[in-house]
């Protein structure tokens, strides 16, 4: 059996073209909207002759949404509101999204899952705290006839579908950016790798992708897993790395996400490092974008929240309405988990964001405005980067 989240042998193969696409910015995301969201192609919520949306309505429905934590800012700030908005559009306001956040506790998420099953939700979107632990809840939902769609993280158990990003490609983008920042001849330069939570199946994919770009290119001096993606855990691990290697001996840091990147940078500053090494990140958090402008963080990975959230909402509604053609058109790829093969999957493109393309990515997509990023503290750095409110 293949490892968690790997592509099935009968699924689409990775090609050089997919790697090249990562280097593009908004045009790629815009073009991908038609491929990933049936709305853009006129299949869901088709417009009437007067141009107004005419949402098809097959009755009321309840969509459960289980999120894993509040430490990752995007889940509550972007994903949840976008899912709620799209469900409302598709159901003429009659579809209800019942939301709960586990705040990092798999036991709490299990309780929340059980309540949705008891309340007879029509479909459940789950972003698992622990992919393995949630499997029993997924099975209970299946026994109750409730479809489950894994959101962002691939839950184990008999899930009906999976919506996420190409997470191995995320790691490749991060690793490649770090290797390029270090430049040629960096085989002996020491790099620290700060991985995510072992219970998150995405962690293994990010790690595999990053290692494919860094092994043999740099000296990977220390690697750490980070319990529950907690920045304070990452900071303590970075302190260990500094004690082991020496603050001046660290040439770069692979950080799997932006929250940990901020903690890594704090630890380096506290150790007296004035010229920070390149540090990677992921999620395009506002704080990370400000650090990038200020020259403290090298890059982040922008994963279109809108494409992922809208795709999940559209798949959930199509599943409840038993519109198999729409559902299959959205879930064009297949991945395997340790407990199920050939899971219908939607994978959303990713983009590396640096100081050079902030305006062409997150600003142009409306995630943040230049004014959001360029507060008074960052005004001078923004001006130097050509970002003006």
Protein backbone atom coordinates (compact mmCIF):
# COMPACT_ATOMS: atom_id res chain seq x y z
CA UNK A 1 0.00 0.00 0.00
CA UNK A 2 1.28 3.47 -0.82
CA UNK A 3 2.05 6.02 1.85
CA UNK A 4 -0.45 8.57 3.10
CA UNK A 5 -1.58 10.97 0.42
CA UNK A 6 0.39 9.45 -2.42
CA UNK A 7 -1.05 9.41 -5.89
CA UNK A 8 -2.53 6.16 -7.08
CA UNK A 9 -0.70 4.45 -9.89
CA UNK A 10 -3.74 4.85 -12.09
CA UNK A 11 -4.01 8.58 -11.35
CA UNK A 12 -2.47 11.47 -13.31
CA UNK A 13 1.32 11.45 -13.34
CA UNK A 14 3.45 14.37 -12.22
CA UNK A 15 4.98 16.13 -15.21
CA UNK A 16 7.60 18.79 -15.82
CA UNK A 17 4.81 21.13 -16.83
CA UNK A 18 3.29 20.98 -13.38
CA UNK A 19 6.59 22.03 -11.85
CA UNK A 20 6.89 24.93 -14.27
CA UNK A 21 3.40 26.10 -13.41
CA UNK A 22 4.41 26.70 -9.81
CA UNK A 23 6.70 29.51 -10.86
CA UNK A 24 3.85 31.49 -12.33
CA UNK A 25 1.56 33.68 -10.29
CA UNK A 26 -1.99 34.88 -10.62
CA UNK A 27 -2.62 33.93 -14.27
CA UNK A 28 -2.06 30.30 -13.29
CA UNK A 29 -4.53 30.56 -10.44
CA UNK A 30 -7.09 32.27 -12.61
CA UNK A 31 -6.79 29.65 -15.34
CA UNK A 32 -6.95 26.92 -12.73
CA UNK A 33 -10.26 28.25 -11.42
CA UNK A 34 -12.07 26.81 -14.42
CA UNK A 35 -10.33 23.49 -14.06
CA UNK A 36 -10.91 23.24 -10.32
CA UNK A 37 -14.23 24.99 -9.81
CA UNK A 38 -17.24 24.19 -11.93
CA UNK A 39 -18.66 27.61 -11.10
CA UNK A 40 -16.19 29.32 -13.39
CA UNK A 41 -17.10 26.94 -16.19
CA UNK A 42 -20.84 27.48 -15.85
CA UNK A 43 -21.75 24.06 -14.44
CA UNK A 44 -22.69 25.04 -10.90
CA UNK A 45 -24.89 28.05 -10.21
CA UNK A 46 -25.25 28.86 -13.90
CA UNK A 47 -26.23 32.39 -14.82
CA UNK A 48 -29.67 33.17 -16.19
CA UNK A 49 -30.13 35.14 -19.46
CA UNK A 50 -30.07 38.42 -17.55
CA UNK A 51 -26.69 37.57 -16.05
CA UNK A 52 -27.96 36.93 -12.52
CA UNK A 53 -26.94 33.74 -10.77
CA UNK A 54 -29.74 31.19 -10.70
CA UNK A 55 -28.77 28.77 -7.95
CA UNK A 56 -30.29 25.35 -8.35
CA UNK A 57 -32.01 24.32 -5.13
CA UNK A 58 -32.90 20.75 -4.26
CA UNK A 59 -33.95 21.57 -0.70
CA UNK A 60 -32.31 22.50 2.55
CA UNK A 61 -29.11 20.83 3.68
CA UNK A 62 -26.74 20.84 6.63
CA UNK A 63 -23.01 20.74 5.97
CA UNK A 64 -20.78 20.04 8.94
CA UNK A 65 -17.39 21.77 8.97
CA UNK A 66 -14.78 20.56 11.47
CA UNK A 67 -11.59 22.64 11.68
CA UNK A 68 -8.49 21.54 13.60
CA UNK A 69 -7.09 24.60 15.35
CA UNK A 70 -6.99 28.37 15.69
CA UNK A 71 -3.19 28.68 15.60
CA UNK A 72 -3.25 28.46 11.79
CA UNK A 73 -4.83 31.82 11.04
CA UNK A 74 -6.21 30.96 7.61
CA UNK A 75 -8.74 28.36 8.78
CA UNK A 76 -11.02 30.76 10.66
CA UNK A 77 -10.11 33.94 8.79
CA UNK A 78 -10.48 32.65 5.24
CA UNK A 79 -11.51 29.01 4.81
CA UNK A 80 -14.62 28.99 6.99
CA UNK A 81 -16.16 32.26 5.68
CA UNK A 82 -15.45 31.24 2.09
CA UNK A 83 -17.08 27.83 2.53
CA UNK A 84 -20.12 29.45 4.19
CA UNK A 85 -20.38 32.01 1.39
CA UNK A 86 -20.19 29.45 -1.39
CA UNK A 87 -22.71 27.10 0.24
CA UNK A 88 -25.12 30.01 0.61
CA UNK A 89 -24.69 30.90 -3.08
CA UNK A 90 -25.23 27.35 -4.24
CA UNK A 91 -28.30 26.73 -2.08
CA UNK A 92 -30.03 30.08 -2.32
CA UNK A 93 -29.28 30.70 1.34
CA UNK A 94 -31.02 27.51 2.48
CA UNK A 95 -27.90 25.46 3.10
CA UNK A 96 -26.53 25.68 6.65
CA UNK A 97 -22.87 25.25 7.58
CA UNK A 98 -22.50 23.96 11.16
CA UNK A 99 -18.97 24.76 12.23
CA UNK A 100 -16.78 23.62 15.12
CA UNK A 101 -13.08 24.08 15.88
CA UNK A 102 -11.20 21.41 17.84
CA UNK A 103 -8.50 23.87 18.99
CA UNK A 104 -5.81 21.24 18.58
CA UNK A 105 -7.58 18.43 20.46
CA UNK A 106 -8.34 15.19 18.62
CA UNK A 107 -10.62 14.15 21.50
CA UNK A 108 -12.63 17.36 21.14
CA UNK A 109 -12.84 16.87 17.38
CA UNK A 110 -14.20 13.36 17.94
CA UNK A 111 -16.93 14.78 20.18
CA UNK A 112 -17.77 17.40 17.55
CA UNK A 113 -17.85 14.71 14.87
CA UNK A 114 -20.20 12.60 16.98
CA UNK A 115 -22.59 15.51 17.44
CA UNK A 116 -22.79 16.09 13.69
CA UNK A 117 -23.57 12.40 13.18
CA UNK A 118 -26.22 12.46 15.92
CA UNK A 119 -27.75 15.59 14.42
CA UNK A 120 -27.87 13.86 11.01
CA UNK A 121 -25.76 16.30 9.02
CA UNK A 122 -26.07 15.71 5.28
CA UNK A 123 -22.30 15.78 4.66
CA UNK A 124 -19.23 16.48 6.80
CA UNK A 125 -16.09 18.39 5.79
CA UNK A 126 -13.29 17.51 8.20
CA UNK A 127 -9.83 19.01 8.55
CA UNK A 128 -8.40 16.42 10.92
CA UNK A 129 -6.33 17.20 13.99
CA UNK A 130 -5.02 13.63 13.82
CA UNK A 131 -5.58 11.80 10.54
CA UNK A 132 -5.34 8.34 12.10
CA UNK A 133 -7.42 9.07 15.20
CA UNK A 134 -10.31 10.48 13.18
CA UNK A 135 -10.70 7.27 11.16
CA UNK A 136 -13.17 5.73 13.63
CA UNK A 137 -15.41 8.80 13.39
CA UNK A 138 -15.27 8.67 9.60
CA UNK A 139 -16.39 5.03 9.76
CA UNK A 140 -19.28 5.94 12.09
CA UNK A 141 -20.40 8.62 9.66
CA UNK A 142 -20.24 6.14 6.77
CA UNK A 143 -22.29 3.63 8.78
CA UNK A 144 -24.88 6.38 9.31
CA UNK A 145 -24.97 7.12 5.57
CA UNK A 146 -23.24 10.51 5.93
CA UNK A 147 -20.53 11.22 3.33
CA UNK A 148 -17.25 12.67 4.62
CA UNK A 149 -14.93 14.89 2.60
CA UNK A 150 -11.39 15.34 3.95
CA UNK A 151 -10.46 19.02 3.78
CA UNK A 152 -6.86 20.21 3.51
CA UNK A 153 -5.55 17.15 5.40
CA UNK A 154 -6.19 13.60 4.25
CA UNK A 155 -8.15 11.83 6.98
CA UNK A 156 -7.97 8.06 7.26
CA UNK A 157 -11.07 5.88 7.10
CA UNK A 158 -13.67 5.58 4.31
CA UNK A 159 -13.66 9.22 3.19
CA UNK A 160 -15.68 9.98 0.06
CA UNK A 161 -13.30 12.61 -1.28
CA UNK A 162 -10.33 14.83 -0.52
CA UNK A 163 -9.77 18.53 -1.26
CA UNK A 164 -6.32 19.99 -0.73
CA UNK A 165 -3.20 21.20 -2.47
CA UNK A 166 -0.41 19.20 -4.02
CA UNK A 167 1.35 19.01 -0.69
CA UNK A 168 4.50 17.30 -1.89
CA UNK A 169 4.80 20.07 -4.43
CA UNK A 170 4.49 22.60 -1.57
CA UNK A 171 7.60 21.07 0.01
CA UNK A 172 9.40 21.07 -3.32
CA UNK A 173 8.64 24.77 -3.81
CA UNK A 174 9.94 25.54 -0.31
CA UNK A 175 13.06 23.42 -0.68
CA UNK A 176 13.85 24.80 -4.12
CA UNK A 177 13.46 28.38 -2.89
CA UNK A 178 15.84 27.73 0.00
CA UNK A 179 18.42 26.01 -2.21
CA UNK A 180 18.29 28.88 -4.70
CA UNK A 181 18.67 31.44 -1.92
CA UNK A 182 21.82 29.68 -0.69
CA UNK A 183 23.21 29.50 -4.19
CA UNK A 184 25.69 27.13 -5.83
CA UNK A 185 28.44 25.52 -3.79
CA UNK A 186 26.30 25.23 -0.67
CA UNK A 187 26.81 21.49 -0.11
CA UNK A 188 28.61 22.12 3.18
CA UNK A 189 26.36 24.91 4.42
CA UNK A 190 24.26 23.83 7.39
CA UNK A 191 20.48 23.91 7.18
CA UNK A 192 17.94 23.26 9.93
CA UNK A 193 14.63 21.63 8.95
CA UNK A 194 11.56 22.42 11.06
CA UNK A 195 8.83 19.98 10.05
CA UNK A 196 5.17 20.04 11.05
CA UNK A 197 3.12 17.79 13.30
CA UNK A 198 3.73 14.04 12.89
CA UNK A 199 -0.04 13.39 13.23
CA UNK A 200 -0.75 15.57 10.18
CA UNK A 201 -0.38 13.50 6.98
CA UNK A 202 0.59 16.65 5.09
CA UNK A 203 3.78 16.84 7.15
CA UNK A 204 5.25 13.73 5.51
CA UNK A 205 4.42 15.10 2.07
CA UNK A 206 5.93 18.54 2.76
CA UNK A 207 9.02 16.80 4.15
CA UNK A 208 9.39 14.47 1.16
CA UNK A 209 9.06 17.34 -1.28
CA UNK A 210 11.56 19.55 0.55
CA UNK A 211 14.10 16.75 0.94
CA UNK A 212 13.90 16.01 -2.78
CA UNK A 213 15.24 19.52 -3.39
CA UNK A 214 17.69 19.83 -0.47
CA UNK A 215 19.38 16.45 -0.07
CA UNK A 216 22.78 16.58 -1.71
CA UNK A 217 22.50 20.35 -2.18
CA UNK A 218 23.06 21.41 1.44
CA UNK A 219 24.21 19.93 4.75
CA UNK A 220 21.02 19.10 6.65
CA UNK A 221 22.44 19.50 10.15
CA UNK A 222 19.28 19.14 12.29
CA UNK A 223 15.66 18.11 11.71
CA UNK A 224 12.74 18.41 14.09
CA UNK A 225 9.07 17.45 14.10
CA UNK A 226 6.79 20.03 15.72
CA UNK A 227 4.02 18.84 18.01
CA UNK A 228 0.65 20.21 16.84
CA UNK A 229 2.46 22.79 14.68
CA UNK A 230 2.91 24.89 17.82
CA UNK A 231 5.21 27.91 17.30
CA UNK A 232 6.46 27.65 20.89
CA UNK A 233 7.60 24.07 20.22
CA UNK A 234 9.35 25.20 17.03
CA UNK A 235 11.06 27.99 18.94
CA UNK A 236 12.41 25.61 21.56
CA UNK A 237 13.64 23.25 18.84
CA UNK A 238 15.35 26.15 17.11
CA UNK A 239 17.09 27.02 20.36
CA UNK A 240 18.35 23.42 20.48
CA UNK A 241 19.66 23.75 16.93
CA UNK A 242 21.42 27.00 17.78
CA UNK A 243 23.11 25.37 20.78
CA UNK A 244 24.13 22.40 18.65
CA UNK A 245 25.34 24.20 15.53
CA UNK A 246 26.04 27.71 16.72
CA UNK A 247 24.03 30.74 15.72
CA UNK A 248 26.54 31.81 13.08
CA UNK A 249 26.76 28.33 11.60
CA UNK A 250 23.16 28.15 10.39
CA UNK A 251 22.99 29.04 6.71
CA UNK A 252 19.25 28.54 6.24
CA UNK A 253 16.09 27.18 7.83
CA UNK A 254 13.37 25.14 6.18
CA UNK A 255 10.19 25.93 8.14
CA UNK A 256 7.09 24.06 7.03
CA UNK A 257 4.71 26.95 7.81
CA UNK A 258 4.63 30.63 8.63
CA UNK A 259 3.73 30.32 12.31
CA UNK A 260 6.85 28.26 12.94
CA UNK A 261 8.91 30.55 10.69
CA UNK A 262 8.06 33.46 12.97
CA UNK A 263 9.16 31.45 16.02
CA UNK A 264 12.39 30.42 14.28
CA UNK A 265 13.19 34.03 13.46
CA UNK A 266 12.50 35.08 17.07
CA UNK A 267 14.91 32.43 18.35
CA UNK A 268 17.61 33.55 15.92
CA UNK A 269 17.19 37.19 16.93
CA UNK A 270 17.32 36.29 20.61
CA UNK A 271 20.57 34.44 19.91
CA UNK A 272 22.04 37.67 18.58
CA UNK A 273 21.80 36.94 14.85
CA UNK A 274 21.57 40.30 13.09
CA UNK A 275 21.85 39.09 9.50
CA UNK A 276 19.14 36.45 9.33
CA UNK A 277 19.56 33.39 7.10
CA UNK A 278 16.85 32.59 4.55
CA UNK A 279 13.79 31.06 6.24
CA UNK A 280 10.91 29.44 4.35
CA UNK A 281 7.22 29.35 5.26
CA UNK A 282 3.74 28.46 4.06
CA UNK A 283 0.17 29.83 4.24
CA UNK A 284 0.82 33.48 3.29
CA UNK A 285 -0.02 34.69 6.79
CA UNK A 286 -0.17 38.47 7.10
CA UNK A 287 2.66 38.48 9.67
CA UNK A 288 4.79 36.42 7.30
CA UNK A 289 4.20 38.80 4.40
CA UNK A 290 5.33 41.66 6.60
CA UNK A 291 8.44 39.71 7.58
CA UNK A 292 9.16 39.07 3.90
CA UNK A 293 8.89 42.78 3.11
CA UNK A 294 11.17 43.53 6.07
CA UNK A 295 13.76 41.03 4.82
CA UNK A 296 13.36 38.67 7.79
CA UNK A 297 11.63 35.75 6.04
CA UNK A 298 12.70 34.64 2.59
CA UNK A 299 9.41 33.27 1.22
CA UNK A 300 6.04 31.73 1.89
CA UNK A 301 3.77 29.46 -0.13
CA UNK A 302 0.43 30.88 -1.19
CA UNK A 303 -2.28 28.29 -1.56
CA UNK A 304 -5.45 29.84 -2.88
CA UNK A 305 -7.90 29.68 0.03
CA UNK A 306 -10.72 30.57 -2.32
CA UNK A 307 -10.11 27.73 -4.77
CA UNK A 308 -9.82 25.15 -1.99
CA UNK A 309 -12.79 26.40 0.03
CA UNK A 310 -15.07 26.87 -2.97
CA UNK A 311 -14.08 23.47 -4.32
CA UNK A 312 -14.92 21.82 -1.00
CA UNK A 313 -18.27 23.60 -0.81
CA UNK A 314 -19.15 22.63 -4.38
CA UNK A 315 -18.18 18.99 -3.82
CA UNK A 316 -20.22 18.84 -0.61
CA UNK A 317 -23.32 20.29 -2.25
CA UNK A 318 -22.94 18.04 -5.31
CA UNK A 319 -22.62 14.99 -3.06
CA UNK A 320 -25.75 15.83 -1.06
CA UNK A 321 -27.70 16.43 -4.26
CA UNK A 322 -26.32 13.17 -5.71
CA UNK A 323 -25.04 14.98 -8.78
CA UNK A 324 -22.33 12.51 -9.65
CA UNK A 325 -21.25 14.17 -12.90
CA UNK A 326 -20.56 17.46 -11.13
CA UNK A 327 -18.82 15.69 -8.27
CA UNK A 328 -16.60 13.64 -10.58
CA UNK A 329 -15.70 16.70 -12.64
CA UNK A 330 -14.43 18.41 -9.48
CA UNK A 331 -12.54 15.39 -8.15
CA UNK A 332 -10.41 14.58 -11.18
CA UNK A 333 -7.38 13.11 -9.43
CA UNK A 334 -6.89 10.11 -7.15
CA UNK A 335 -4.74 9.60 -4.05
CA UNK A 336 -4.31 6.77 -1.56
CA UNK A 337 -4.38 6.86 2.23
CA UNK A 338 -3.17 4.04 4.48
CA UNK A 339 -6.80 2.86 4.72
CA UNK A 340 -8.28 3.56 1.30
CA UNK A 341 -7.12 3.59 -2.31
CA UNK A 342 -8.22 5.78 -5.23
CA UNK A 343 -9.86 8.56 -3.21
CA UNK A 344 -11.51 11.14 -5.52
CA UNK A 345 -9.39 14.24 -5.11
CA UNK A 346 -9.18 17.90 -6.03
CA UNK A 347 -5.67 19.39 -5.84
CA UNK A 348 -5.29 23.18 -5.93
CA UNK A 349 -2.16 24.92 -7.38
CA UNK A 350 0.46 26.57 -5.16
CA UNK A 351 2.68 29.62 -5.70
CA UNK A 352 5.96 30.69 -4.09
CA UNK A 353 5.65 34.24 -2.75
CA UNK A 354 8.67 36.49 -2.23
CA UNK A 355 9.12 40.23 -1.97
CA UNK A 356 9.11 40.38 -5.78
CA UNK A 357 5.59 39.07 -6.36
CA UNK A 358 3.51 39.92 -3.27
CA UNK A 359 1.49 42.43 -5.29
CA UNK A 360 0.92 39.97 -8.14
CA UNK A 361 -0.32 37.18 -5.86
CA UNK A 362 -1.98 37.77 -2.51
CA UNK A 363 -2.76 41.44 -3.18
CA UNK A 364 -4.16 40.86 -6.68
CA UNK A 365 -6.19 37.90 -5.36
CA UNK A 366 -7.71 40.17 -2.70
CA UNK A 367 -6.36 38.18 0.25
CA UNK A 368 -4.69 41.28 1.69
CA UNK A 369 -4.36 44.85 0.53
CA UNK A 370 -1.06 46.72 0.38
CA UNK A 371 -2.46 48.82 3.22
CA UNK A 372 -2.92 45.68 5.33
CA UNK A 373 0.72 44.72 4.82
CA UNK A 374 2.33 48.14 4.87
CA UNK A 375 1.54 49.49 8.31
CA UNK A 376 3.62 52.38 9.67
CA UNK A 377 6.22 49.94 11.04
CA UNK A 378 6.82 48.54 7.54
CA UNK A 379 6.33 51.72 5.50
CA UNK A 380 10.01 52.19 4.68
CA UNK A 381 10.53 48.55 3.76
CA UNK A 382 7.38 48.59 1.62
CA UNK A 383 8.55 51.67 -0.22
CA UNK A 384 11.88 49.99 -0.94
CA UNK A 385 9.97 46.97 -2.27
CA UNK A 386 7.79 49.16 -4.47
CA UNK A 387 4.63 48.54 -2.41
CA UNK A 388 2.64 51.69 -1.89
CA UNK A 389 -0.86 51.79 -0.30
